[in-house]
Amino acid sequence: MPKASDVKKNAAIEHNGRVVLIKDIERSVPQGRAGGSLYRMRMYDVVTGAKIDETFKDSDMLNAADFSRRNVMFSYTDGNEYVFMDNEDYTPYHLNKETIEEQLQFINEETQGLQVLIIADVAATVEVPMTVELEITETAPALKGGSATARTKPATLTTGVVVQVPEHISTGDRIKINTEELKFVSRA
C-alpha cells in the first residue's frame, strides 16, 4: 500500500471500489498547514473511462491495483483505435486514441520497449520507455561549427512532436528523446 506521496503518473490504484489509472498529479503545499502536502490527482476509471478528480494528503494510504504488463509493438490504427500486438503470443490489444493521446507523440512502427498495462483482463493504457529514438523530419539547417552545447533550435519529429535540439543536428538525423521531460538526450 503506497502513500499518496509515493504514487507516480500512470499508476493503477483501487479507489472507491473501482480500479482507476492516475493520469496527472499536482502537488501543493497550502500555507498555514503543519507541513502537510496535498496531492490532487486526475484519475480515469479503467472500465468506464469516467474522469475522477480527487485530493489526497501526503500520508493517505492508497491501494495498489492488481495489474500486469505485457511487452507489445505498435501494429496499426483502426479508425479511433490503436492496435498493439503482444510480442509473445500475438494477442491484439485495442486502445482508444483518447486514452493514450499523451503517449502517441512517442509511438510509431519502429518504437521499441512498449508495454500494455492490463487491469482486470482489460488493456488500460500503453507505457512508453524513458527514452525513444525518432527521426527528425524538419528543422533549420545545421550550422557549421555549431557545438553540442551551443544554442538550440526546434525540430519536428516523425510523430509530429517538436523538441529543442542543438544547432549541429539536421533533418534526417535520428535522436533519442526523454519521454517524461520531452527533451533531447543524444543522437541515436
N, C-alpha and C. Protein backbone atom coordinates (compact mmCIF):
# COMPACT_ATOMS: atom_id res chain seq x y z
N MET A 1 0.84 -1.18 0.00
CA MET A 1 0.00 0.00 0.00
C MET A 1 0.88 1.24 0.00
N PRO A 2 0.98 1.92 -1.12
CA PRO A 2 1.81 3.12 -1.18
C PRO A 2 1.10 4.34 -0.58
N LYS A 3 1.90 5.28 -0.11
CA LYS A 3 1.36 6.57 0.34
C LYS A 3 1.04 7.40 -0.89
N ALA A 4 0.19 8.39 -0.73
CA ALA A 4 -0.16 9.27 -1.83
C ALA A 4 1.07 9.98 -2.37
N SER A 5 2.04 10.27 -1.51
CA SER A 5 3.25 10.97 -1.94
C SER A 5 4.17 10.08 -2.77
N ASP A 6 4.00 8.75 -2.72
CA ASP A 6 4.85 7.82 -3.45
C ASP A 6 4.27 7.40 -4.80
N VAL A 7 3.03 7.75 -5.07
CA VAL A 7 2.37 7.31 -6.31
C VAL A 7 2.84 8.15 -7.48
N LYS A 8 3.04 7.50 -8.63
CA LYS A 8 3.51 8.17 -9.85
C LYS A 8 2.40 8.19 -10.90
N LYS A 9 2.62 8.98 -11.95
CA LYS A 9 1.70 9.01 -13.08
C LYS A 9 1.61 7.62 -13.70
N ASN A 10 0.44 7.30 -14.26
CA ASN A 10 0.14 6.03 -14.93
C ASN A 10 0.11 4.85 -13.97
N ALA A 11 0.04 5.10 -12.66
CA ALA A 11 -0.10 4.02 -11.69
C ALA A 11 -1.57 3.61 -11.63
N ALA A 12 -1.81 2.35 -11.30
CA ALA A 12 -3.17 1.84 -11.16
C ALA A 12 -3.45 1.62 -9.67
N ILE A 13 -4.55 2.22 -9.19
CA ILE A 13 -4.94 2.05 -7.78
C ILE A 13 -6.41 1.68 -7.71
N GLU A 14 -6.81 1.16 -6.54
CA GLU A 14 -8.22 0.93 -6.27
C GLU A 14 -8.73 2.10 -5.46
N HIS A 15 -9.84 2.70 -5.93
CA HIS A 15 -10.40 3.88 -5.27
C HIS A 15 -11.92 3.76 -5.30
N ASN A 16 -12.53 3.79 -4.14
CA ASN A 16 -14.00 3.68 -4.02
C ASN A 16 -14.54 2.45 -4.74
N GLY A 17 -13.82 1.33 -4.61
CA GLY A 17 -14.29 0.08 -5.19
C GLY A 17 -14.07 -0.04 -6.69
N ARG A 18 -13.38 0.91 -7.28
CA ARG A 18 -13.12 0.86 -8.73
C ARG A 18 -11.62 0.92 -8.97
N VAL A 19 -11.20 0.33 -10.07
CA VAL A 19 -9.79 0.41 -10.46
C VAL A 19 -9.64 1.64 -11.34
N VAL A 20 -8.72 2.52 -10.94
CA VAL A 20 -8.51 3.76 -11.69
C VAL A 20 -7.03 3.89 -12.06
N LEU A 21 -6.80 4.63 -13.14
CA LEU A 21 -5.46 4.90 -13.64
C LEU A 21 -5.18 6.38 -13.41
N ILE A 22 -4.05 6.70 -12.77
CA ILE A 22 -3.71 8.09 -12.47
C ILE A 22 -3.03 8.71 -13.69
N LYS A 23 -3.62 9.78 -14.22
CA LYS A 23 -3.08 10.42 -15.41
C LYS A 23 -2.31 11.70 -15.11
N ASP A 24 -2.64 12.38 -14.00
CA ASP A 24 -1.96 13.63 -13.70
C ASP A 24 -1.92 13.83 -12.19
N ILE A 25 -0.81 14.36 -11.70
CA ILE A 25 -0.65 14.63 -10.27
C ILE A 25 -0.12 16.05 -10.09
N GLU A 26 -0.80 16.82 -9.24
CA GLU A 26 -0.34 18.16 -8.89
C GLU A 26 -0.11 18.20 -7.39
N ARG A 27 1.09 18.62 -7.00
CA ARG A 27 1.44 18.71 -5.58
C ARG A 27 1.31 20.16 -5.14
N SER A 28 0.67 20.37 -4.00
CA SER A 28 0.59 21.73 -3.46
C SER A 28 0.85 21.69 -1.96
N VAL A 29 1.40 22.79 -1.46
CA VAL A 29 1.69 22.92 -0.03
C VAL A 29 0.94 24.17 0.45
N PRO A 30 -0.26 23.96 0.97
CA PRO A 30 -1.04 25.12 1.43
C PRO A 30 -0.36 25.84 2.59
N GLN A 31 -0.46 27.15 2.60
CA GLN A 31 0.11 27.95 3.69
C GLN A 31 -0.72 27.74 4.95
N GLY A 32 -0.07 27.74 6.07
CA GLY A 32 -0.79 27.61 7.34
C GLY A 32 -1.02 26.17 7.77
N ARG A 33 -0.63 25.20 6.93
CA ARG A 33 -0.78 23.79 7.33
C ARG A 33 0.53 23.35 7.97
N ALA A 34 0.43 22.44 8.86
CA ALA A 34 1.61 21.97 9.59
C ALA A 34 2.38 20.95 8.75
N GLY A 35 2.99 21.41 7.68
CA GLY A 35 3.88 20.57 6.89
C GLY A 35 3.21 19.54 6.01
N GLY A 36 1.92 19.60 5.81
CA GLY A 36 1.24 18.58 5.02
C GLY A 36 1.06 19.00 3.57
N SER A 37 1.57 18.19 2.66
CA SER A 37 1.37 18.45 1.23
C SER A 37 0.07 17.81 0.78
N LEU A 38 -0.54 18.40 -0.23
CA LEU A 38 -1.74 17.83 -0.82
C LEU A 38 -1.43 17.40 -2.25
N TYR A 39 -1.99 16.27 -2.65
CA TYR A 39 -1.78 15.74 -3.99
C TYR A 39 -3.13 15.65 -4.68
N ARG A 40 -3.31 16.51 -5.69
CA ARG A 40 -4.53 16.50 -6.48
C ARG A 40 -4.28 15.58 -7.67
N MET A 41 -5.10 14.53 -7.78
CA MET A 41 -4.89 13.54 -8.83
C MET A 41 -6.08 13.48 -9.77
N ARG A 42 -5.77 13.47 -11.05
CA ARG A 42 -6.80 13.25 -12.07
C ARG A 42 -6.69 11.78 -12.45
N MET A 43 -7.80 11.06 -12.26
CA MET A 43 -7.81 9.62 -12.49
C MET A 43 -8.92 9.27 -13.48
N TYR A 44 -8.75 8.13 -14.15
CA TYR A 44 -9.76 7.64 -15.08
C TYR A 44 -10.11 6.21 -14.71
N ASP A 45 -11.41 5.93 -14.64
CA ASP A 45 -11.89 4.58 -14.38
C ASP A 45 -11.49 3.68 -15.54
N VAL A 46 -10.88 2.54 -15.25
CA VAL A 46 -10.39 1.64 -16.29
C VAL A 46 -11.54 1.06 -17.09
N VAL A 47 -12.65 0.74 -16.45
CA VAL A 47 -13.77 0.10 -17.12
C VAL A 47 -14.62 1.09 -17.90
N THR A 48 -15.05 2.18 -17.26
CA THR A 48 -15.97 3.12 -17.90
C THR A 48 -15.29 4.29 -18.58
N GLY A 49 -14.06 4.59 -18.19
CA GLY A 49 -13.35 5.74 -18.75
C GLY A 49 -13.73 7.05 -18.09
N ALA A 50 -14.56 7.01 -17.03
CA ALA A 50 -15.01 8.22 -16.35
C ALA A 50 -13.84 8.92 -15.66
N LYS A 51 -13.87 10.25 -15.72
CA LYS A 51 -12.82 11.06 -15.11
C LYS A 51 -13.16 11.32 -13.65
N ILE A 52 -12.15 11.20 -12.78
CA ILE A 52 -12.33 11.43 -11.35
C ILE A 52 -11.20 12.34 -10.88
N ASP A 53 -11.55 13.44 -10.20
CA ASP A 53 -10.57 14.32 -9.59
C ASP A 53 -10.67 14.15 -8.09
N GLU A 54 -9.54 13.89 -7.45
CA GLU A 54 -9.53 13.63 -6.02
C GLU A 54 -8.26 14.24 -5.42
N THR A 55 -8.36 14.71 -4.17
CA THR A 55 -7.22 15.27 -3.47
C THR A 55 -6.90 14.39 -2.26
N PHE A 56 -5.62 14.07 -2.11
CA PHE A 56 -5.17 13.23 -1.00
C PHE A 56 -4.10 13.97 -0.20
N LYS A 57 -4.03 13.68 1.11
CA LYS A 57 -2.93 14.16 1.93
C LYS A 57 -1.72 13.27 1.63
N ASP A 58 -0.53 13.80 1.88
CA ASP A 58 0.67 13.03 1.56
C ASP A 58 0.77 11.73 2.35
N SER A 59 0.12 11.64 3.50
CA SER A 59 0.20 10.44 4.33
C SER A 59 -0.93 9.44 4.06
N ASP A 60 -1.90 9.80 3.21
CA ASP A 60 -3.00 8.88 2.89
C ASP A 60 -2.46 7.62 2.23
N MET A 61 -2.97 6.48 2.67
CA MET A 61 -2.55 5.20 2.09
C MET A 61 -3.51 4.82 0.97
N LEU A 62 -2.95 4.46 -0.18
CA LEU A 62 -3.76 4.07 -1.34
C LEU A 62 -3.54 2.58 -1.62
N ASN A 63 -4.54 1.93 -2.17
CA ASN A 63 -4.44 0.52 -2.50
C ASN A 63 -3.99 0.36 -3.94
N ALA A 64 -2.85 -0.29 -4.12
CA ALA A 64 -2.37 -0.56 -5.48
C ALA A 64 -3.26 -1.64 -6.10
N ALA A 65 -3.61 -1.47 -7.35
CA ALA A 65 -4.47 -2.43 -8.05
C ALA A 65 -3.62 -3.57 -8.61
N ASP A 66 -4.26 -4.73 -8.76
CA ASP A 66 -3.59 -5.86 -9.39
C ASP A 66 -3.57 -5.63 -10.89
N PHE A 67 -2.39 -5.68 -11.48
CA PHE A 67 -2.26 -5.48 -12.91
C PHE A 67 -1.06 -6.25 -13.42
N SER A 68 -0.99 -6.35 -14.73
CA SER A 68 0.18 -6.98 -15.35
C SER A 68 0.60 -6.13 -16.54
N ARG A 69 1.84 -6.29 -16.92
CA ARG A 69 2.37 -5.58 -18.08
C ARG A 69 2.77 -6.61 -19.13
N ARG A 70 2.47 -6.30 -20.39
CA ARG A 70 2.84 -7.17 -21.50
C ARG A 70 3.66 -6.36 -22.49
N ASN A 71 4.78 -6.93 -22.96
CA ASN A 71 5.59 -6.27 -23.99
C ASN A 71 4.85 -6.35 -25.31
N VAL A 72 4.72 -5.22 -25.96
CA VAL A 72 3.97 -5.15 -27.22
C VAL A 72 4.72 -4.32 -28.25
N MET A 73 4.21 -4.36 -29.47
CA MET A 73 4.69 -3.47 -30.52
C MET A 73 3.46 -2.87 -31.21
N PHE A 74 3.62 -1.66 -31.69
CA PHE A 74 2.52 -1.00 -32.39
C PHE A 74 2.27 -1.72 -33.69
N SER A 75 1.00 -2.02 -33.98
CA SER A 75 0.65 -2.77 -35.18
C SER A 75 0.00 -1.87 -36.24
N TYR A 76 -1.17 -1.32 -35.91
CA TYR A 76 -1.88 -0.49 -36.89
C TYR A 76 -2.97 0.32 -36.21
N THR A 77 -3.56 1.27 -36.95
CA THR A 77 -4.69 2.03 -36.44
C THR A 77 -5.95 1.56 -37.15
N ASP A 78 -7.04 1.56 -36.42
CA ASP A 78 -8.33 1.16 -36.96
C ASP A 78 -9.33 2.23 -36.54
N GLY A 79 -9.47 3.27 -37.36
CA GLY A 79 -10.33 4.38 -37.01
C GLY A 79 -9.76 5.14 -35.83
N ASN A 80 -10.49 5.14 -34.71
CA ASN A 80 -10.06 5.83 -33.49
C ASN A 80 -9.32 4.91 -32.53
N GLU A 81 -9.08 3.67 -32.94
CA GLU A 81 -8.40 2.73 -32.07
C GLU A 81 -7.01 2.41 -32.60
N TYR A 82 -6.10 2.24 -31.65
CA TYR A 82 -4.74 1.84 -31.97
C TYR A 82 -4.57 0.40 -31.51
N VAL A 83 -4.01 -0.43 -32.37
CA VAL A 83 -3.88 -1.85 -32.08
C VAL A 83 -2.40 -2.17 -31.82
N PHE A 84 -2.16 -2.80 -30.67
CA PHE A 84 -0.82 -3.22 -30.27
C PHE A 84 -0.80 -4.74 -30.20
N MET A 85 0.27 -5.35 -30.69
CA MET A 85 0.39 -6.80 -30.75
C MET A 85 1.35 -7.28 -29.67
N ASP A 86 0.91 -8.28 -28.90
CA ASP A 86 1.74 -8.88 -27.86
C ASP A 86 2.95 -9.53 -28.51
N ASN A 87 4.14 -9.29 -27.97
CA ASN A 87 5.37 -9.83 -28.55
C ASN A 87 5.50 -11.34 -28.38
N GLU A 88 4.81 -11.93 -27.40
CA GLU A 88 4.95 -13.36 -27.14
C GLU A 88 3.86 -14.20 -27.79
N ASP A 89 2.59 -13.87 -27.50
CA ASP A 89 1.51 -14.72 -28.01
C ASP A 89 0.65 -14.04 -29.09
N TYR A 90 1.07 -12.87 -29.55
CA TYR A 90 0.44 -12.14 -30.66
C TYR A 90 -1.02 -11.75 -30.39
N THR A 91 -1.37 -11.59 -29.14
CA THR A 91 -2.71 -11.11 -28.78
C THR A 91 -2.82 -9.64 -29.14
N PRO A 92 -3.88 -9.24 -29.86
CA PRO A 92 -4.05 -7.81 -30.17
C PRO A 92 -4.73 -7.09 -29.01
N TYR A 93 -4.22 -5.91 -28.69
CA TYR A 93 -4.82 -5.06 -27.66
C TYR A 93 -5.28 -3.77 -28.33
N HIS A 94 -6.58 -3.48 -28.21
CA HIS A 94 -7.16 -2.29 -28.83
C HIS A 94 -7.29 -1.19 -27.77
N LEU A 95 -6.70 -0.04 -28.06
CA LEU A 95 -6.77 1.10 -27.15
C LEU A 95 -7.31 2.32 -27.89
N ASN A 96 -8.24 3.02 -27.25
CA ASN A 96 -8.85 4.20 -27.83
C ASN A 96 -7.83 5.34 -27.89
N LYS A 97 -7.90 6.13 -28.95
CA LYS A 97 -6.96 7.24 -29.16
C LYS A 97 -6.95 8.21 -27.98
N GLU A 98 -8.12 8.53 -27.41
CA GLU A 98 -8.21 9.48 -26.31
C GLU A 98 -7.54 8.95 -25.05
N THR A 99 -7.54 7.63 -24.87
CA THR A 99 -6.94 7.02 -23.69
C THR A 99 -5.42 7.17 -23.69
N ILE A 100 -4.82 7.09 -24.88
CA ILE A 100 -3.35 7.08 -24.97
C ILE A 100 -2.81 8.29 -25.73
N GLU A 101 -3.58 9.36 -25.76
CA GLU A 101 -3.21 10.54 -26.55
C GLU A 101 -1.83 11.09 -26.18
N GLU A 102 -1.51 11.12 -24.89
CA GLU A 102 -0.22 11.65 -24.45
C GLU A 102 0.95 10.78 -24.93
N GLN A 103 0.76 9.47 -24.94
CA GLN A 103 1.82 8.55 -25.33
C GLN A 103 2.00 8.49 -26.85
N LEU A 104 0.98 8.84 -27.62
CA LEU A 104 1.06 8.73 -29.08
C LEU A 104 2.14 9.61 -29.69
N GLN A 105 2.55 10.67 -29.00
CA GLN A 105 3.59 11.53 -29.55
C GLN A 105 4.95 10.85 -29.59
N PHE A 106 5.06 9.64 -28.99
CA PHE A 106 6.32 8.90 -28.98
C PHE A 106 6.23 7.56 -29.71
N ILE A 107 5.08 7.25 -30.29
CA ILE A 107 4.86 5.91 -30.85
C ILE A 107 4.78 5.96 -32.37
N ASN A 108 5.60 5.11 -33.01
CA ASN A 108 5.46 4.83 -34.44
C ASN A 108 5.77 3.36 -34.65
N GLU A 109 5.85 2.92 -35.89
CA GLU A 109 6.06 1.50 -36.19
C GLU A 109 7.39 0.97 -35.66
N GLU A 110 8.35 1.84 -35.45
CA GLU A 110 9.70 1.42 -35.05
C GLU A 110 9.94 1.50 -33.54
N THR A 111 9.00 2.05 -32.77
CA THR A 111 9.22 2.26 -31.35
C THR A 111 9.37 0.93 -30.61
N GLN A 112 10.47 0.80 -29.87
CA GLN A 112 10.78 -0.40 -29.10
C GLN A 112 10.48 -0.17 -27.62
N GLY A 113 10.21 -1.25 -26.88
CA GLY A 113 10.06 -1.16 -25.43
C GLY A 113 8.68 -0.76 -24.95
N LEU A 114 7.66 -0.85 -25.80
CA LEU A 114 6.31 -0.51 -25.38
C LEU A 114 5.73 -1.61 -24.50
N GLN A 115 4.91 -1.21 -23.53
CA GLN A 115 4.22 -2.17 -22.67
C GLN A 115 2.77 -1.76 -22.51
N VAL A 116 1.86 -2.76 -22.57
CA VAL A 116 0.46 -2.52 -22.31
C VAL A 116 0.19 -2.88 -20.87
N LEU A 117 -0.52 -2.01 -20.16
CA LEU A 117 -0.90 -2.24 -18.78
C LEU A 117 -2.27 -2.91 -18.79
N ILE A 118 -2.36 -4.12 -18.23
CA ILE A 118 -3.61 -4.88 -18.24
C ILE A 118 -4.15 -4.96 -16.82
N ILE A 119 -5.39 -4.45 -16.65
CA ILE A 119 -6.04 -4.45 -15.36
C ILE A 119 -7.38 -5.15 -15.51
N ALA A 120 -7.62 -6.16 -14.71
CA ALA A 120 -8.87 -6.94 -14.76
C ALA A 120 -9.15 -7.43 -16.18
N ASP A 121 -8.13 -7.98 -16.82
CA ASP A 121 -8.21 -8.54 -18.18
C ASP A 121 -8.60 -7.52 -19.24
N VAL A 122 -8.40 -6.23 -18.96
CA VAL A 122 -8.69 -5.17 -19.93
C VAL A 122 -7.42 -4.36 -20.14
N ALA A 123 -7.09 -4.10 -21.41
CA ALA A 123 -5.94 -3.24 -21.71
C ALA A 123 -6.31 -1.82 -21.33
N ALA A 124 -5.58 -1.25 -20.36
CA ALA A 124 -5.91 0.08 -19.84
C ALA A 124 -5.16 1.19 -20.55
N THR A 125 -3.85 0.99 -20.77
CA THR A 125 -3.04 2.03 -21.40
C THR A 125 -1.76 1.40 -21.92
N VAL A 126 -1.03 2.19 -22.69
CA VAL A 126 0.28 1.74 -23.16
C VAL A 126 1.33 2.63 -22.50
N GLU A 127 2.43 2.01 -22.09
CA GLU A 127 3.51 2.74 -21.45
C GLU A 127 4.70 2.79 -22.40
N VAL A 128 5.28 3.97 -22.52
CA VAL A 128 6.45 4.14 -23.38
C VAL A 128 7.70 4.13 -22.51
N PRO A 129 8.85 3.72 -23.07
CA PRO A 129 10.09 3.72 -22.29
C PRO A 129 10.54 5.14 -21.96
N MET A 130 11.53 5.26 -21.06
CA MET A 130 12.05 6.57 -20.66
C MET A 130 12.65 7.34 -21.83
N THR A 131 13.30 6.63 -22.76
CA THR A 131 13.85 7.28 -23.94
C THR A 131 13.40 6.52 -25.19
N VAL A 132 13.11 7.27 -26.24
CA VAL A 132 12.75 6.67 -27.53
C VAL A 132 13.60 7.30 -28.62
N GLU A 133 13.80 6.54 -29.70
CA GLU A 133 14.53 7.05 -30.87
C GLU A 133 13.54 7.45 -31.94
N LEU A 134 13.65 8.67 -32.43
CA LEU A 134 12.79 9.16 -33.50
C LEU A 134 13.64 9.92 -34.50
N GLU A 135 13.13 10.03 -35.72
CA GLU A 135 13.84 10.73 -36.78
C GLU A 135 13.31 12.15 -36.91
N ILE A 136 14.20 13.08 -37.21
CA ILE A 136 13.81 14.48 -37.42
C ILE A 136 13.32 14.64 -38.85
N THR A 137 12.10 15.16 -39.00
CA THR A 137 11.55 15.38 -40.34
C THR A 137 11.73 16.82 -40.80
N GLU A 138 11.85 17.74 -39.84
CA GLU A 138 12.01 19.14 -40.24
C GLU A 138 12.71 19.94 -39.15
N THR A 139 13.75 20.66 -39.54
CA THR A 139 14.44 21.58 -38.64
C THR A 139 15.26 22.54 -39.49
N ALA A 140 15.72 23.60 -38.88
CA ALA A 140 16.56 24.56 -39.59
C ALA A 140 17.86 23.86 -39.98
N PRO A 141 18.52 24.32 -41.05
CA PRO A 141 19.79 23.69 -41.45
C PRO A 141 20.83 23.71 -40.34
N ALA A 142 21.67 22.69 -40.35
CA ALA A 142 22.73 22.60 -39.35
C ALA A 142 23.73 23.73 -39.58
N LEU A 143 24.18 24.34 -38.49
CA LEU A 143 25.16 25.40 -38.59
C LEU A 143 26.56 24.82 -38.54
N LYS A 144 27.39 25.21 -39.47
CA LYS A 144 28.77 24.75 -39.47
C LYS A 144 29.47 25.32 -38.25
N GLY A 145 30.12 24.46 -37.51
CA GLY A 145 30.81 24.90 -36.31
C GLY A 145 29.92 24.95 -35.09
N GLY A 146 28.62 24.58 -35.22
CA GLY A 146 27.73 24.54 -34.06
C GLY A 146 28.15 23.40 -33.15
N SER A 147 28.26 23.66 -31.89
CA SER A 147 28.70 22.61 -30.96
C SER A 147 27.51 21.98 -30.26
N ALA A 148 27.76 20.87 -29.59
CA ALA A 148 26.70 20.14 -28.91
C ALA A 148 26.16 20.91 -27.71
N THR A 149 26.92 21.85 -27.18
CA THR A 149 26.47 22.59 -26.01
C THR A 149 26.01 24.00 -26.36
N ALA A 150 25.96 24.31 -27.63
CA ALA A 150 25.57 25.66 -28.06
C ALA A 150 24.06 25.84 -27.97
N ARG A 151 23.59 26.89 -28.60
CA ARG A 151 22.16 27.20 -28.60
C ARG A 151 21.35 26.07 -29.24
N THR A 152 20.04 26.11 -29.00
CA THR A 152 19.16 25.08 -29.54
C THR A 152 18.21 25.67 -30.57
N LYS A 153 17.56 24.76 -31.29
CA LYS A 153 16.57 25.14 -32.30
C LYS A 153 15.45 24.10 -32.26
N PRO A 154 14.23 24.46 -32.70
CA PRO A 154 13.14 23.48 -32.69
C PRO A 154 13.30 22.47 -33.83
N ALA A 155 12.90 21.23 -33.55
CA ALA A 155 12.93 20.17 -34.56
C ALA A 155 11.64 19.37 -34.46
N THR A 156 11.00 19.12 -35.62
CA THR A 156 9.79 18.31 -35.68
C THR A 156 10.19 16.86 -35.97
N LEU A 157 9.65 15.93 -35.19
CA LEU A 157 9.98 14.52 -35.33
C LEU A 157 8.90 13.79 -36.14
N THR A 158 9.15 12.52 -36.47
CA THR A 158 8.24 11.76 -37.32
C THR A 158 6.84 11.64 -36.74
N THR A 159 6.70 11.70 -35.42
CA THR A 159 5.37 11.59 -34.80
C THR A 159 4.66 12.93 -34.69
N GLY A 160 5.35 14.02 -35.07
CA GLY A 160 4.75 15.34 -35.03
C GLY A 160 5.13 16.16 -33.81
N VAL A 161 5.78 15.55 -32.84
CA VAL A 161 6.19 16.27 -31.64
C VAL A 161 7.38 17.17 -31.96
N VAL A 162 7.43 18.33 -31.31
CA VAL A 162 8.52 19.29 -31.52
C VAL A 162 9.37 19.36 -30.25
N VAL A 163 10.69 19.19 -30.42
CA VAL A 163 11.63 19.29 -29.30
C VAL A 163 12.76 20.24 -29.67
N GLN A 164 13.44 20.75 -28.66
CA GLN A 164 14.60 21.61 -28.89
C GLN A 164 15.83 20.73 -29.02
N VAL A 165 16.61 20.95 -30.09
CA VAL A 165 17.83 20.18 -30.33
C VAL A 165 19.00 21.13 -30.53
N PRO A 166 20.24 20.66 -30.32
CA PRO A 166 21.41 21.51 -30.57
C PRO A 166 21.49 21.91 -32.04
N GLU A 167 22.18 23.01 -32.32
CA GLU A 167 22.24 23.55 -33.68
C GLU A 167 22.93 22.62 -34.68
N HIS A 168 23.79 21.71 -34.23
CA HIS A 168 24.51 20.85 -35.18
C HIS A 168 23.67 19.68 -35.69
N ILE A 169 22.49 19.47 -35.16
CA ILE A 169 21.59 18.40 -35.59
C ILE A 169 20.85 18.87 -36.84
N SER A 170 20.64 17.95 -37.80
CA SER A 170 19.96 18.35 -39.04
C SER A 170 18.82 17.39 -39.37
N THR A 171 18.03 17.76 -40.38
CA THR A 171 16.91 16.94 -40.85
C THR A 171 17.42 15.58 -41.28
N GLY A 172 16.69 14.53 -40.89
CA GLY A 172 17.08 13.16 -41.24
C GLY A 172 17.86 12.46 -40.15
N ASP A 173 18.38 13.20 -39.17
CA ASP A 173 19.12 12.58 -38.06
C ASP A 173 18.14 11.84 -37.14
N ARG A 174 18.60 10.73 -36.57
CA ARG A 174 17.83 10.01 -35.55
C ARG A 174 18.36 10.46 -34.19
N ILE A 175 17.42 10.80 -33.31
CA ILE A 175 17.80 11.27 -31.98
C ILE A 175 17.06 10.50 -30.91
N LYS A 176 17.62 10.51 -29.70
CA LYS A 176 16.95 9.96 -28.53
C LYS A 176 16.34 11.12 -27.77
N ILE A 177 15.08 10.95 -27.32
CA ILE A 177 14.46 11.98 -26.50
C ILE A 177 13.92 11.36 -25.22
N ASN A 178 13.94 12.13 -24.15
CA ASN A 178 13.39 11.73 -22.86
C ASN A 178 11.88 11.92 -22.93
N THR A 179 11.10 10.86 -22.70
CA THR A 179 9.65 10.93 -22.86
C THR A 179 8.96 11.65 -21.72
N GLU A 180 9.57 11.69 -20.54
CA GLU A 180 8.94 12.37 -19.41
C GLU A 180 9.13 13.87 -19.48
N GLU A 181 10.33 14.30 -19.87
CA GLU A 181 10.63 15.73 -19.90
C GLU A 181 10.51 16.33 -21.29
N LEU A 182 10.31 15.50 -22.30
CA LEU A 182 10.23 15.92 -23.69
C LEU A 182 11.47 16.73 -24.09
N LYS A 183 12.65 16.13 -23.79
CA LYS A 183 13.91 16.80 -24.06
C LYS A 183 14.84 15.91 -24.87
N PHE A 184 15.68 16.57 -25.65
CA PHE A 184 16.72 15.91 -26.43
C PHE A 184 17.73 15.27 -25.47
N VAL A 185 18.13 14.00 -25.76
CA VAL A 185 19.13 13.32 -24.93
C VAL A 185 20.44 13.21 -25.70
N SER A 186 20.38 12.61 -26.91
CA SER A 186 21.58 12.42 -27.71
C SER A 186 21.19 12.00 -29.12
N ARG A 187 22.20 11.92 -29.98
CA ARG A 187 21.98 11.30 -31.28
C ARG A 187 21.81 9.80 -31.09
N ALA A 188 21.04 9.18 -31.96
CA ALA A 188 20.83 7.73 -31.84
C ALA A 188 21.91 6.97 -32.57
